[in-house]
Amino acid sequence: MVTLSYMFLFTNFPTWIDATIIPGLPFRWYGLMYVLAFLTTYLLFRYQALHNAIEINGDDTQTLFMYSILFLLLGARLFSVLIYNGTSYYWTHPWLIFWPFANGRFVGLPGMSYHGGLVGTILGVLIYSKKNKRSFFQIADIGCAGIPLGYTFGRIGNFINAELWGRVTDSPVGMIFPHAERFSTNYEWVRTMANKLGIAYTEGGMVNLPRHPSQLYEALFEGVLLFIFLWFVIRKKYNRKYPGYILSWYLIGYGFTRFCIEYFREPDSNLGFIIQFNTNFNNPALLQSYLNISMGQIFCFLMVLAGIILAIIMKKYSKRKEILK
């Protein structure tokens, strides 16, 4: 029981939020959020096409998005089960990677990796561009300007699902997620945290502690704010810059922002820290050291590096092309 003096130290996950749209049917808000994400990105792409940012008609845009979405889902699923799963199960049972049933029930395809989706989308756009003799970088630049706003809906979907919660915190932004991992009160740090927050527990029992709502952090910083930066700042300079300009800033902006937020998001329990410079602090449930790096942070670092390299190469290529004219 939480007393009045402790009630503002954390919040409980809203009980009125239900992951299913219609109880008893396999339609979930998370799936709808994916649809809204794709629709938002599509509409922003068409808006730019109608304002002469790119010459492409509606039918070709739909074909482009068909390629992009198909390869996004393939990449996101493959990365999730083959890299983030942490076991060899799907490597030895590849026919189950896209099997949407478990124990006789329809469960969909739980588990999607953003970085896998990014790789898949790039591959899909590359294939479309080559097949239709279009500029990959022009399509990527126009698409990246609107992607973060669409991505916002995906993270809201994660929040509605009460999944991908953050690390344990005693700050007022902490939230208790109903399905989060419980911690044994045999650990001193668990008892200390529970006592500080006024959370009742039994000796030797399990207790659910407040977490950072990292899904909402990502929706705000990687979604809304990154969109504002790319759409209203970077996009305005696009015509005076080089091909790949917006794509470069997207990779750098998202990679850097997500790298920072990963410190508040709990690493996958089956992976933990991939790089651990500070071995004295190895509890993935707590933010104890900025020197311990998760799998997501490694991919984010590679995104930033790729964005910087792309910007340098394309800028030099663009200048050289101008000289040769």
Protein backbone atom coordinates (compact mmCIF):
# COMPACT_ATOMS: atom_id res chain seq x y z
CA MET A 1 0.00 0.00 0.00
CA VAL A 2 1.38 3.39 -1.01
CA THR A 3 0.69 6.13 1.54
CA LEU A 4 -0.21 9.71 0.66
CA SER A 5 3.30 10.97 1.43
CA TYR A 6 4.73 8.72 -1.29
CA MET A 7 2.04 9.04 -3.96
CA PHE A 8 3.91 11.68 -6.01
CA LEU A 9 7.21 9.74 -6.12
CA PHE A 10 6.02 7.56 -9.01
CA THR A 11 2.89 6.64 -10.98
CA ASN A 12 1.21 3.39 -11.93
CA PHE A 13 0.63 2.41 -15.55
CA PRO A 14 -2.87 3.68 -16.45
CA THR A 15 -5.38 0.90 -15.81
CA TRP A 16 -7.74 2.23 -18.48
CA ILE A 17 -5.25 1.47 -21.26
CA ASP A 18 -5.94 -1.85 -22.97
CA ALA A 19 -3.57 -3.22 -25.63
CA THR A 20 -6.47 -4.73 -27.59
CA ILE A 21 -8.86 -2.59 -29.61
CA ILE A 22 -11.74 -5.08 -29.44
CA PRO A 23 -11.51 -7.63 -26.59
CA GLY A 24 -11.37 -11.20 -27.86
CA LEU A 25 -10.18 -10.25 -31.33
CA PRO A 26 -6.53 -10.15 -32.50
CA PHE A 27 -6.58 -6.42 -33.24
CA ARG A 28 -4.21 -4.43 -31.11
CA TRP A 29 -3.43 -0.74 -30.80
CA TYR A 30 0.22 -1.52 -31.54
CA GLY A 31 -0.69 -2.79 -35.01
CA LEU A 32 -2.86 0.27 -35.61
CA MET A 33 0.03 2.51 -34.57
CA TYR A 34 2.19 0.86 -37.23
CA VAL A 35 -0.49 1.68 -39.80
CA LEU A 36 -0.61 5.30 -38.60
CA ALA A 37 3.20 5.48 -38.75
CA PHE A 38 3.27 4.31 -42.37
CA LEU A 39 0.35 6.56 -43.30
CA THR A 40 1.95 9.63 -41.72
CA THR A 41 5.25 9.04 -43.50
CA TYR A 42 3.42 8.46 -46.79
CA LEU A 43 1.38 11.66 -46.50
CA LEU A 44 4.48 13.74 -45.66
CA PHE A 45 6.26 12.20 -48.66
CA ARG A 46 3.32 13.04 -50.95
CA TYR A 47 3.18 16.56 -49.52
CA GLN A 48 6.78 17.13 -50.57
CA ALA A 49 6.14 15.59 -53.99
CA LEU A 50 3.20 17.92 -54.55
CA HIS A 51 5.46 20.86 -53.63
CA ASN A 52 8.05 19.86 -56.24
CA ALA A 53 10.64 18.39 -53.87
CA ILE A 54 10.61 15.23 -56.01
CA GLU A 55 8.97 14.21 -59.27
CA ILE A 56 6.97 11.09 -58.51
CA ASN A 57 3.28 10.33 -59.02
CA GLY A 58 0.90 8.67 -56.60
CA ASP A 59 1.10 5.19 -58.14
CA ASP A 60 4.90 5.17 -58.08
CA THR A 61 4.87 6.43 -54.50
CA GLN A 62 2.62 3.55 -53.48
CA THR A 63 4.97 1.08 -55.19
CA LEU A 64 7.94 2.67 -53.41
CA PHE A 65 6.22 2.36 -50.03
CA MET A 66 5.24 -1.22 -50.78
CA TYR A 67 8.93 -2.07 -51.26
CA SER A 68 9.93 -0.05 -48.19
CA ILE A 69 7.32 -1.49 -45.82
CA LEU A 70 7.86 -5.08 -46.97
CA PHE A 71 11.61 -4.94 -46.45
CA LEU A 72 11.19 -2.92 -43.23
CA LEU A 73 9.07 -5.69 -41.71
CA LEU A 74 11.47 -8.37 -42.95
CA GLY A 75 14.51 -6.58 -41.54
CA ALA A 76 12.84 -5.67 -38.25
CA ARG A 77 11.72 -9.25 -37.63
CA LEU A 78 15.01 -10.85 -38.66
CA PHE A 79 17.11 -8.56 -36.46
CA SER A 80 14.75 -9.11 -33.54
CA VAL A 81 14.83 -12.91 -33.57
CA LEU A 82 18.35 -13.52 -34.89
CA ILE A 83 20.29 -10.82 -33.01
CA TYR A 84 18.24 -9.57 -30.06
CA ASN A 85 16.76 -12.95 -29.12
CA GLY A 86 20.07 -13.96 -27.57
CA THR A 87 19.64 -17.67 -28.34
CA SER A 88 20.17 -19.96 -31.31
CA TYR A 89 16.51 -21.03 -31.35
CA TYR A 90 15.46 -19.20 -34.51
CA TRP A 91 18.77 -19.98 -36.20
CA THR A 92 17.91 -23.66 -35.83
CA HIS A 93 14.15 -23.16 -36.41
CA PRO A 94 14.06 -20.60 -39.26
CA TRP A 95 10.61 -21.74 -40.41
CA LEU A 96 9.17 -20.25 -37.20
CA ILE A 97 10.55 -16.74 -37.75
CA PHE A 98 7.39 -15.62 -39.52
CA TRP A 99 4.99 -18.13 -37.92
CA PRO A 100 2.30 -16.05 -36.12
CA PHE A 101 0.94 -18.82 -33.86
CA ALA A 102 2.10 -20.14 -30.49
CA ASN A 103 0.45 -22.83 -28.36
CA GLY A 104 -2.50 -22.90 -30.74
CA ARG A 105 -3.12 -19.15 -30.42
CA PHE A 106 -2.60 -16.30 -32.86
CA VAL A 107 0.08 -14.04 -31.36
CA GLY A 108 1.20 -12.15 -34.47
CA LEU A 109 4.90 -11.39 -34.81
CA PRO A 110 5.98 -9.99 -31.43
CA GLY A 111 9.41 -8.47 -31.51
CA MET A 112 10.52 -5.90 -34.06
CA SER A 113 13.91 -4.22 -34.19
CA TYR A 114 14.19 -0.59 -35.27
CA HIS A 115 17.73 -1.04 -36.59
CA GLY A 116 16.68 -4.11 -38.56
CA GLY A 117 13.79 -2.12 -39.97
CA LEU A 118 16.19 0.64 -41.00
CA VAL A 119 18.47 -1.81 -42.82
CA GLY A 120 15.46 -3.41 -44.48
CA THR A 121 14.03 -0.06 -45.58
CA ILE A 122 17.35 1.04 -47.09
CA LEU A 123 17.55 -2.24 -48.99
CA GLY A 124 13.96 -1.87 -50.22
CA VAL A 125 14.55 1.69 -51.45
CA LEU A 126 17.81 0.63 -53.13
CA ILE A 127 16.02 -2.15 -55.02
CA TYR A 128 13.18 0.16 -56.01
CA SER A 129 15.58 2.91 -57.11
CA LYS A 130 17.68 0.57 -59.24
CA LYS A 131 14.65 -1.10 -60.81
CA ASN A 132 12.98 2.21 -61.66
CA LYS A 133 16.15 4.19 -62.47
CA ARG A 134 15.61 6.76 -59.75
CA SER A 135 18.00 8.54 -57.39
CA PHE A 136 18.30 6.60 -54.13
CA PHE A 137 19.56 9.65 -52.24
CA GLN A 138 16.75 11.91 -53.43
CA ILE A 139 14.14 9.38 -52.29
CA ALA A 140 15.98 8.79 -48.99
CA ASP A 141 16.30 12.50 -48.28
CA ILE A 142 12.62 13.20 -48.94
CA GLY A 143 11.55 10.16 -46.92
CA CYS A 144 13.81 10.84 -43.92
CA ALA A 145 12.35 14.31 -43.48
CA GLY A 146 9.05 12.78 -42.36
CA ILE A 147 10.01 9.40 -40.91
CA PRO A 148 10.49 10.56 -37.27
CA LEU A 149 6.91 11.81 -36.97
CA GLY A 150 5.66 8.42 -38.14
CA TYR A 151 8.07 6.71 -35.77
CA THR A 152 6.40 8.54 -32.88
CA PHE A 153 3.30 6.37 -33.28
CA GLY A 154 5.38 3.20 -33.03
CA ARG A 155 6.74 4.20 -29.63
CA ILE A 156 3.28 5.18 -28.44
CA GLY A 157 2.26 1.66 -29.48
CA ASN A 158 5.06 0.25 -27.31
CA PHE A 159 3.76 2.29 -24.39
CA ILE A 160 0.19 1.07 -24.90
CA ASN A 161 1.56 -2.48 -24.93
CA ALA A 162 3.36 -1.68 -21.65
CA GLU A 163 6.58 -3.07 -23.14
CA LEU A 164 10.17 -1.92 -23.66
CA TRP A 165 10.13 -0.22 -20.28
CA GLY A 166 13.12 1.64 -18.93
CA ARG A 167 15.47 1.05 -16.05
CA VAL A 168 14.45 1.26 -12.41
CA THR A 169 14.30 4.81 -11.06
CA ASP A 170 13.33 6.61 -7.88
CA SER A 171 12.60 9.86 -9.75
CA PRO A 172 9.03 11.25 -9.97
CA VAL A 173 8.81 10.25 -13.64
CA GLY A 174 9.02 6.58 -12.63
CA MET A 175 6.12 4.36 -13.62
CA ILE A 176 5.22 0.84 -12.51
CA PHE A 177 4.50 -1.30 -15.58
CA PRO A 178 2.25 -4.31 -14.82
CA HIS A 179 4.27 -6.87 -16.80
CA ALA A 180 7.75 -5.63 -15.89
CA GLU A 181 10.25 -7.98 -14.32
CA ARG A 182 9.92 -8.27 -10.54
CA PHE A 183 12.97 -8.14 -8.31
CA SER A 184 13.77 -10.28 -5.30
CA THR A 185 13.83 -8.45 -2.01
CA ASN A 186 16.80 -10.60 -1.06
CA TYR A 187 18.87 -7.91 -2.80
CA GLU A 188 19.75 -4.91 -0.67
CA TRP A 189 19.32 -2.42 -3.52
CA VAL A 190 15.75 -3.66 -4.08
CA ARG A 191 14.83 -3.20 -0.41
CA THR A 192 16.48 0.23 -0.34
CA MET A 193 14.57 1.37 -3.43
CA ALA A 194 11.26 -0.01 -2.16
CA ASN A 195 11.70 1.61 1.25
CA LYS A 196 12.58 4.96 -0.32
CA LEU A 197 9.44 4.87 -2.47
CA GLY A 198 7.16 3.50 0.24
CA ILE A 199 6.41 0.29 -1.66
CA ALA A 200 5.34 -2.56 0.60
CA TYR A 201 7.07 -5.93 0.22
CA THR A 202 7.59 -9.20 2.02
CA GLU A 203 11.01 -10.55 2.97
CA GLY A 204 12.24 -12.91 0.29
CA GLY A 205 9.35 -11.96 -1.98
CA MET A 206 9.25 -10.24 -5.36
CA VAL A 207 8.47 -6.57 -5.92
CA ASN A 208 7.67 -4.45 -8.96
CA LEU A 209 9.64 -1.19 -8.98
CA PRO A 210 9.06 2.04 -10.96
CA ARG A 211 10.74 2.31 -14.38
CA HIS A 212 11.59 5.14 -16.72
CA PRO A 213 8.80 5.39 -19.33
CA SER A 214 11.50 5.24 -22.01
CA GLN A 215 8.93 4.62 -24.77
CA LEU A 216 7.61 8.14 -24.20
CA TYR A 217 11.15 9.58 -24.10
CA GLU A 218 11.77 8.03 -27.50
CA ALA A 219 8.44 9.21 -28.89
CA LEU A 220 9.32 12.77 -27.87
CA PHE A 221 13.03 13.03 -28.68
CA GLU A 222 13.49 10.54 -31.54
CA GLY A 223 10.06 11.31 -32.89
CA VAL A 224 8.58 14.76 -32.45
CA LEU A 225 11.71 16.82 -31.77
CA LEU A 226 13.84 15.08 -34.42
CA PHE A 227 11.01 15.60 -36.91
CA ILE A 228 10.86 19.32 -36.10
CA PHE A 229 14.63 19.59 -36.56
CA LEU A 230 14.70 17.73 -39.89
CA TRP A 231 11.50 19.19 -41.33
CA PHE A 232 11.82 22.84 -40.34
CA VAL A 233 15.60 23.29 -40.18
CA ILE A 234 17.50 20.75 -42.28
CA ARG A 235 14.91 20.40 -45.06
CA LYS A 236 14.96 24.15 -45.70
CA LYS A 237 18.66 23.95 -46.59
CA TYR A 238 18.32 20.86 -48.79
CA ASN A 239 18.37 22.59 -52.18
CA ARG A 240 21.67 24.31 -51.32
CA LYS A 241 23.33 21.14 -50.10
CA TYR A 242 24.43 17.75 -51.45
CA PRO A 243 22.51 14.51 -52.12
CA GLY A 244 22.17 12.53 -48.91
CA TYR A 245 22.15 15.68 -46.76
CA ILE A 246 18.88 14.93 -44.92
CA LEU A 247 19.68 11.22 -44.76
CA SER A 248 23.03 12.01 -43.12
CA TRP A 249 21.43 14.25 -40.51
CA TYR A 250 18.71 11.66 -39.87
CA LEU A 251 21.30 8.95 -39.18
CA ILE A 252 23.34 11.27 -36.95
CA GLY A 253 20.33 12.78 -35.16
CA TYR A 254 18.50 9.53 -34.50
CA GLY A 255 21.65 7.61 -33.63
CA PHE A 256 22.86 10.20 -31.13
CA THR A 257 19.44 10.70 -29.52
CA ARG A 258 18.70 6.99 -29.22
CA PHE A 259 22.22 6.33 -27.89
CA CYS A 260 21.54 8.75 -25.02
CA ILE A 261 18.04 7.44 -24.28
CA GLU A 262 19.37 3.87 -24.17
CA TYR A 263 20.90 4.79 -20.82
CA PHE A 264 17.36 5.04 -19.45
CA ARG A 265 16.04 1.97 -21.26
CA GLU A 266 16.74 -1.44 -19.78
CA PRO A 267 18.88 -3.62 -22.10
CA ASP A 268 17.40 -6.91 -23.23
CA SER A 269 17.73 -9.27 -20.28
CA ASN A 270 19.06 -12.06 -22.51
CA LEU A 271 21.85 -9.80 -23.81
CA GLY A 272 22.70 -7.38 -21.02
CA PHE A 273 25.70 -5.18 -21.70
CA ILE A 274 27.62 -6.05 -24.86
CA ILE A 275 30.55 -3.80 -23.95
CA GLN A 276 31.30 -3.43 -20.25
CA PHE A 277 34.12 -1.04 -19.41
CA ASN A 278 33.07 -0.72 -15.78
CA THR A 279 32.79 -4.25 -14.40
CA ASN A 280 32.05 -3.01 -10.88
CA PHE A 281 28.55 -2.01 -11.98
CA ASN A 282 26.85 -4.72 -14.01
CA ASN A 283 23.18 -4.52 -13.03
CA PRO A 284 21.30 -3.76 -16.29
CA ALA A 285 18.18 -2.77 -14.34
CA LEU A 286 19.96 0.32 -12.95
CA LEU A 287 21.82 3.22 -14.53
CA GLN A 288 25.09 2.73 -12.66
CA SER A 289 27.70 3.56 -15.28
CA TYR A 290 27.83 5.36 -18.61
CA LEU A 291 30.71 3.08 -19.63
CA ASN A 292 28.56 -0.03 -20.07
CA ILE A 293 27.08 -0.27 -23.55
CA SER A 294 24.04 -2.15 -24.84
CA MET A 295 23.46 -3.73 -28.25
CA GLY A 296 21.15 -0.86 -29.20
CA GLN A 297 23.88 1.67 -28.40
CA ILE A 298 26.36 -0.16 -30.61
CA PHE A 299 23.96 0.06 -33.54
CA CYS A 300 23.28 3.73 -32.75
CA PHE A 301 27.01 4.48 -32.72
CA LEU A 302 27.29 2.82 -36.13
CA MET A 303 24.39 4.99 -37.36
CA VAL A 304 26.16 8.18 -36.25
CA LEU A 305 29.41 7.01 -37.82
CA ALA A 306 27.64 6.09 -41.06
CA GLY A 307 25.93 9.49 -41.16
CA ILE A 308 29.22 11.36 -40.71
CA ILE A 309 31.02 9.27 -43.35
CA LEU A 310 28.11 9.65 -45.78
CA ALA A 311 28.08 13.44 -45.29
CA ILE A 312 31.83 13.72 -45.92
CA ILE A 313 31.76 11.51 -49.02
CA MET A 314 28.67 13.09 -50.60
CA LYS A 315 29.88 16.62 -49.87
CA LYS A 316 33.22 15.93 -51.57
CA TYR A 317 31.46 14.15 -54.44
CA SER A 318 29.09 17.08 -54.92
CA LYS A 319 31.94 19.63 -54.97
CA ARG A 320 33.94 17.53 -57.42
CA LYS A 321 30.91 17.23 -59.67
CA GLU A 322 30.48 21.03 -59.62
CA ILE A 323 34.14 21.53 -60.58
CA LEU A 324 33.86 19.14 -63.53
CA LYS A 325 30.82 20.94 -64.96
